[in-house]
Structures are given as C-alpha cells and as structure tokens.
Amino acid sequence: MTKTFKYVYVVKYALTTGIFKLREANRFNVDVGVWRGKGHSRAYLDREVAFTEDEALQKADEMRRKKIELLKKQIARLEKMEFEVKE
C-alpha cells in the first residue's frame, strides 16, 4: 500500500547540500518506509524525511550536533597521537 503526500522534506543531505522538498511523495514498502517523489529517481528512508519544515529543521540541527561531537572526538584522538620513527 502506498501513501501519497503533497510533499515531504528530505534531510538526508542537510549537512552538505541542504534540505529540499520532495513533491508528490509516495511512501512505498511500509516495513522499511521508502519514499519516492514525482520525477525523482532516488528513494529515501523514513529517517531521512520530515513532514513539516520545523521537523526538518530540528532533524538537521540534531545531525549537525552529532557531527560536531564526532569531529571533537576525532580531534581529541589526533591531539593524543604521538609519532616515532621506526628503524
């Protein structure tokens, strides 16, 4: 069974190219929640879409916060690194 929405917001690429609207979005595969829009060749999972602009902005902000935390951990690991020359 498919469910059609006028549009949904795709947040999958929020940190790179931004959030965009997927027009005439259909939800296929109820188990996994796969979304596809009219004239759009890509499919998106439930966790990659939002139904309102506010929800999309909240998801994008959460993605940004998680990425910042990951980068802080990576920086800490790099700062702890010590190098030595092996013979």
N, C-alpha and C. Protein backbone atom coordinates (compact mmCIF):
# COMPACT_ATOMS: atom_id res chain seq x y z
N MET A 1 0.84 -1.18 0.00
CA MET A 1 0.00 0.00 0.00
C MET A 1 0.89 1.25 0.00
N THR A 2 0.57 2.20 -0.85
CA THR A 2 1.33 3.44 -0.89
C THR A 2 0.53 4.56 -0.25
N LYS A 3 1.24 5.51 0.29
CA LYS A 3 0.60 6.69 0.88
C LYS A 3 1.24 7.91 0.22
N THR A 4 0.40 8.83 -0.27
CA THR A 4 0.91 9.98 -1.00
C THR A 4 0.76 11.26 -0.18
N PHE A 5 1.81 12.08 -0.20
CA PHE A 5 1.79 13.39 0.44
C PHE A 5 2.07 14.44 -0.63
N LYS A 6 1.55 15.63 -0.43
CA LYS A 6 1.81 16.71 -1.39
C LYS A 6 3.32 16.92 -1.51
N TYR A 7 3.98 16.94 -0.37
CA TYR A 7 5.44 16.99 -0.35
C TYR A 7 5.95 16.61 1.03
N VAL A 8 7.21 16.18 1.08
CA VAL A 8 7.92 15.93 2.34
C VAL A 8 9.28 16.63 2.22
N TYR A 9 9.93 16.81 3.34
CA TYR A 9 11.25 17.45 3.37
C TYR A 9 12.32 16.37 3.50
N VAL A 10 13.29 16.37 2.61
CA VAL A 10 14.38 15.40 2.66
C VAL A 10 15.54 16.05 3.42
N VAL A 11 15.95 15.41 4.51
CA VAL A 11 17.02 15.96 5.35
C VAL A 11 18.32 15.15 5.24
N LYS A 12 18.31 14.15 4.40
CA LYS A 12 19.47 13.27 4.25
C LYS A 12 20.75 14.06 3.94
N TYR A 13 20.64 15.09 3.12
CA TYR A 13 21.81 15.86 2.69
C TYR A 13 21.89 17.23 3.38
N ALA A 14 21.27 17.36 4.54
CA ALA A 14 21.21 18.65 5.23
C ALA A 14 22.59 19.25 5.49
N LEU A 15 23.57 18.42 5.80
CA LEU A 15 24.90 18.93 6.15
C LEU A 15 25.78 19.20 4.93
N THR A 16 25.34 18.80 3.76
CA THR A 16 26.15 19.02 2.56
C THR A 16 25.47 19.98 1.59
N THR A 17 24.34 19.57 1.05
CA THR A 17 23.66 20.43 0.06
C THR A 17 22.41 21.09 0.61
N GLY A 18 21.98 20.67 1.79
CA GLY A 18 20.82 21.30 2.42
C GLY A 18 19.56 20.44 2.37
N ILE A 19 18.49 21.00 2.91
CA ILE A 19 17.18 20.35 2.98
C ILE A 19 16.42 20.72 1.71
N PHE A 20 15.69 19.75 1.15
CA PHE A 20 14.85 20.11 -0.01
C PHE A 20 13.50 19.41 0.09
N LYS A 21 12.53 19.97 -0.65
CA LYS A 21 11.18 19.40 -0.67
C LYS A 21 11.10 18.35 -1.77
N LEU A 22 10.46 17.25 -1.46
CA LEU A 22 10.19 16.20 -2.41
C LEU A 22 8.70 16.27 -2.73
N ARG A 23 8.37 16.69 -3.94
CA ARG A 23 6.96 16.89 -4.30
C ARG A 23 6.27 15.58 -4.65
N GLU A 24 4.99 15.54 -4.37
CA GLU A 24 4.15 14.38 -4.63
C GLU A 24 4.85 13.10 -4.18
N ALA A 25 5.20 13.08 -2.91
CA ALA A 25 5.97 11.98 -2.33
C ALA A 25 5.07 10.79 -2.04
N ASN A 26 5.52 9.62 -2.41
CA ASN A 26 4.81 8.37 -2.15
C ASN A 26 5.64 7.51 -1.22
N ARG A 27 4.98 6.93 -0.25
CA ARG A 27 5.66 6.02 0.68
C ARG A 27 5.38 4.59 0.24
N PHE A 28 6.42 3.94 -0.24
CA PHE A 28 6.35 2.55 -0.64
C PHE A 28 6.94 1.70 0.46
N ASN A 29 6.67 0.42 0.43
CA ASN A 29 7.27 -0.52 1.35
C ASN A 29 7.08 -0.08 2.81
N VAL A 30 5.94 -0.39 3.34
CA VAL A 30 5.56 0.04 4.69
C VAL A 30 6.56 -0.45 5.75
N ASP A 31 7.14 -1.61 5.56
CA ASP A 31 8.09 -2.15 6.55
C ASP A 31 9.32 -1.27 6.69
N VAL A 32 9.88 -0.85 5.57
CA VAL A 32 11.12 -0.06 5.59
C VAL A 32 10.82 1.43 5.51
N GLY A 33 9.75 1.82 4.87
CA GLY A 33 9.41 3.23 4.73
C GLY A 33 10.25 3.89 3.66
N VAL A 34 10.06 3.51 2.43
CA VAL A 34 10.82 4.07 1.32
C VAL A 34 9.97 5.13 0.63
N TRP A 35 10.57 6.31 0.44
CA TRP A 35 9.87 7.44 -0.18
C TRP A 35 10.45 7.73 -1.56
N ARG A 36 9.57 8.08 -2.48
CA ARG A 36 9.99 8.46 -3.81
C ARG A 36 9.06 9.58 -4.28
N GLY A 37 9.64 10.58 -4.95
CA GLY A 37 8.85 11.71 -5.42
C GLY A 37 8.63 11.67 -6.92
N LYS A 38 7.67 12.46 -7.38
CA LYS A 38 7.35 12.52 -8.81
C LYS A 38 8.56 13.03 -9.58
N GLY A 39 8.97 12.29 -10.59
CA GLY A 39 10.10 12.69 -11.41
C GLY A 39 11.43 12.60 -10.70
N HIS A 40 11.47 11.87 -9.59
CA HIS A 40 12.68 11.76 -8.78
C HIS A 40 13.15 10.31 -8.80
N SER A 41 14.38 10.08 -9.17
CA SER A 41 14.86 8.71 -9.31
C SER A 41 15.38 8.11 -8.00
N ARG A 42 15.68 8.91 -7.01
CA ARG A 42 16.21 8.40 -5.74
C ARG A 42 15.09 8.06 -4.77
N ALA A 43 15.40 7.15 -3.87
CA ALA A 43 14.46 6.78 -2.82
C ALA A 43 15.08 7.14 -1.47
N TYR A 44 14.24 7.47 -0.50
CA TYR A 44 14.69 7.89 0.82
C TYR A 44 13.98 7.08 1.89
N LEU A 45 14.67 6.82 2.99
CA LEU A 45 14.10 6.08 4.11
C LEU A 45 13.35 7.03 5.03
N ASP A 46 12.50 6.47 5.89
CA ASP A 46 11.71 7.28 6.83
C ASP A 46 12.57 8.24 7.64
N ARG A 47 13.73 7.77 8.10
CA ARG A 47 14.58 8.61 8.95
C ARG A 47 15.20 9.77 8.18
N GLU A 48 15.13 9.74 6.85
CA GLU A 48 15.73 10.77 6.01
C GLU A 48 14.74 11.83 5.55
N VAL A 49 13.47 11.71 5.97
CA VAL A 49 12.46 12.67 5.57
C VAL A 49 11.73 13.23 6.79
N ALA A 50 11.13 14.40 6.61
CA ALA A 50 10.31 15.04 7.66
C ALA A 50 9.03 15.54 7.00
N PHE A 51 7.99 15.67 7.79
CA PHE A 51 6.69 16.06 7.24
C PHE A 51 6.40 17.56 7.35
N THR A 52 7.13 18.24 8.22
CA THR A 52 6.95 19.69 8.35
C THR A 52 8.31 20.37 8.28
N GLU A 53 8.27 21.66 7.99
CA GLU A 53 9.51 22.43 7.92
C GLU A 53 10.21 22.46 9.28
N ASP A 54 9.43 22.63 10.35
CA ASP A 54 10.00 22.66 11.69
C ASP A 54 10.68 21.34 12.04
N GLU A 55 10.02 20.23 11.71
CA GLU A 55 10.61 18.92 11.98
C GLU A 55 11.90 18.73 11.18
N ALA A 56 11.91 19.19 9.94
CA ALA A 56 13.11 19.09 9.10
C ALA A 56 14.26 19.89 9.71
N LEU A 57 13.96 21.09 10.18
CA LEU A 57 14.99 21.93 10.80
C LEU A 57 15.52 21.30 12.09
N GLN A 58 14.64 20.69 12.87
CA GLN A 58 15.07 20.02 14.10
C GLN A 58 15.96 18.82 13.79
N LYS A 59 15.57 18.02 12.78
CA LYS A 59 16.39 16.87 12.40
C LYS A 59 17.77 17.33 11.91
N ALA A 60 17.79 18.39 11.09
CA ALA A 60 19.06 18.90 10.58
C ALA A 60 19.94 19.42 11.71
N ASP A 61 19.34 20.10 12.68
CA ASP A 61 20.10 20.60 13.82
C ASP A 61 20.68 19.45 14.64
N GLU A 62 19.90 18.39 14.82
CA GLU A 62 20.39 17.22 15.55
C GLU A 62 21.53 16.56 14.78
N MET A 63 21.42 16.47 13.47
CA MET A 63 22.50 15.91 12.65
C MET A 63 23.77 16.75 12.81
N ARG A 64 23.60 18.07 12.82
CA ARG A 64 24.75 18.98 12.97
C ARG A 64 25.42 18.77 14.33
N ARG A 65 24.62 18.67 15.39
CA ARG A 65 25.17 18.47 16.72
C ARG A 65 25.94 17.15 16.83
N LYS A 66 25.38 16.09 16.24
CA LYS A 66 26.05 14.79 16.27
C LYS A 66 27.37 14.84 15.49
N LYS A 67 27.37 15.53 14.36
CA LYS A 67 28.58 15.64 13.56
C LYS A 67 29.66 16.42 14.31
N ILE A 68 29.27 17.48 15.00
CA ILE A 68 30.22 18.27 15.78
C ILE A 68 30.84 17.40 16.88
N GLU A 69 30.03 16.61 17.57
CA GLU A 69 30.54 15.72 18.62
C GLU A 69 31.52 14.70 18.04
N LEU A 70 31.18 14.14 16.90
CA LEU A 70 32.08 13.19 16.24
C LEU A 70 33.41 13.85 15.89
N LEU A 71 33.35 15.06 15.35
CA LEU A 71 34.58 15.77 14.98
C LEU A 71 35.42 16.12 16.21
N LYS A 72 34.77 16.46 17.32
CA LYS A 72 35.51 16.74 18.56
C LYS A 72 36.27 15.50 19.02
N LYS A 73 35.62 14.34 18.92
CA LYS A 73 36.28 13.09 19.31
C LYS A 73 37.46 12.80 18.39
N GLN A 74 37.28 13.04 17.10
CA GLN A 74 38.38 12.81 16.15
C GLN A 74 39.55 13.76 16.43
N ILE A 75 39.25 15.01 16.74
CA ILE A 75 40.29 15.98 17.07
C ILE A 75 41.04 15.54 18.32
N ALA A 76 40.33 15.09 19.34
CA ALA A 76 40.96 14.63 20.58
C ALA A 76 41.90 13.46 20.30
N ARG A 77 41.48 12.53 19.46
CA ARG A 77 42.35 11.39 19.11
C ARG A 77 43.59 11.87 18.38
N LEU A 78 43.42 12.82 17.47
CA LEU A 78 44.57 13.33 16.73
C LEU A 78 45.54 14.08 17.64
N GLU A 79 45.02 14.82 18.61
CA GLU A 79 45.87 15.56 19.53
C GLU A 79 46.68 14.62 20.43
N LYS A 80 46.14 13.45 20.73
CA LYS A 80 46.83 12.48 21.58
C LYS A 80 47.87 11.67 20.81
N MET A 81 47.83 11.71 19.50
CA MET A 81 48.75 10.92 18.69
C MET A 81 50.19 11.34 18.91
N GLU A 82 51.04 10.34 19.00
CA GLU A 82 52.48 10.60 19.07
C GLU A 82 53.13 9.80 17.97
N PHE A 83 54.15 10.38 17.38
CA PHE A 83 54.82 9.74 16.26
C PHE A 83 56.24 9.35 16.65
N GLU A 84 56.69 8.28 16.06
CA GLU A 84 58.08 7.86 16.25
C GLU A 84 58.57 7.25 14.94
N VAL A 85 59.83 7.35 14.73
CA VAL A 85 60.44 6.79 13.53
C VAL A 85 60.90 5.38 13.86
N LYS A 86 60.45 4.42 13.07
CA LYS A 86 60.85 3.02 13.28
C LYS A 86 62.01 2.69 12.35
N GLU A 87 62.94 1.95 12.87
CA GLU A 87 64.11 1.57 12.06
C GLU A 87 63.90 0.22 11.44
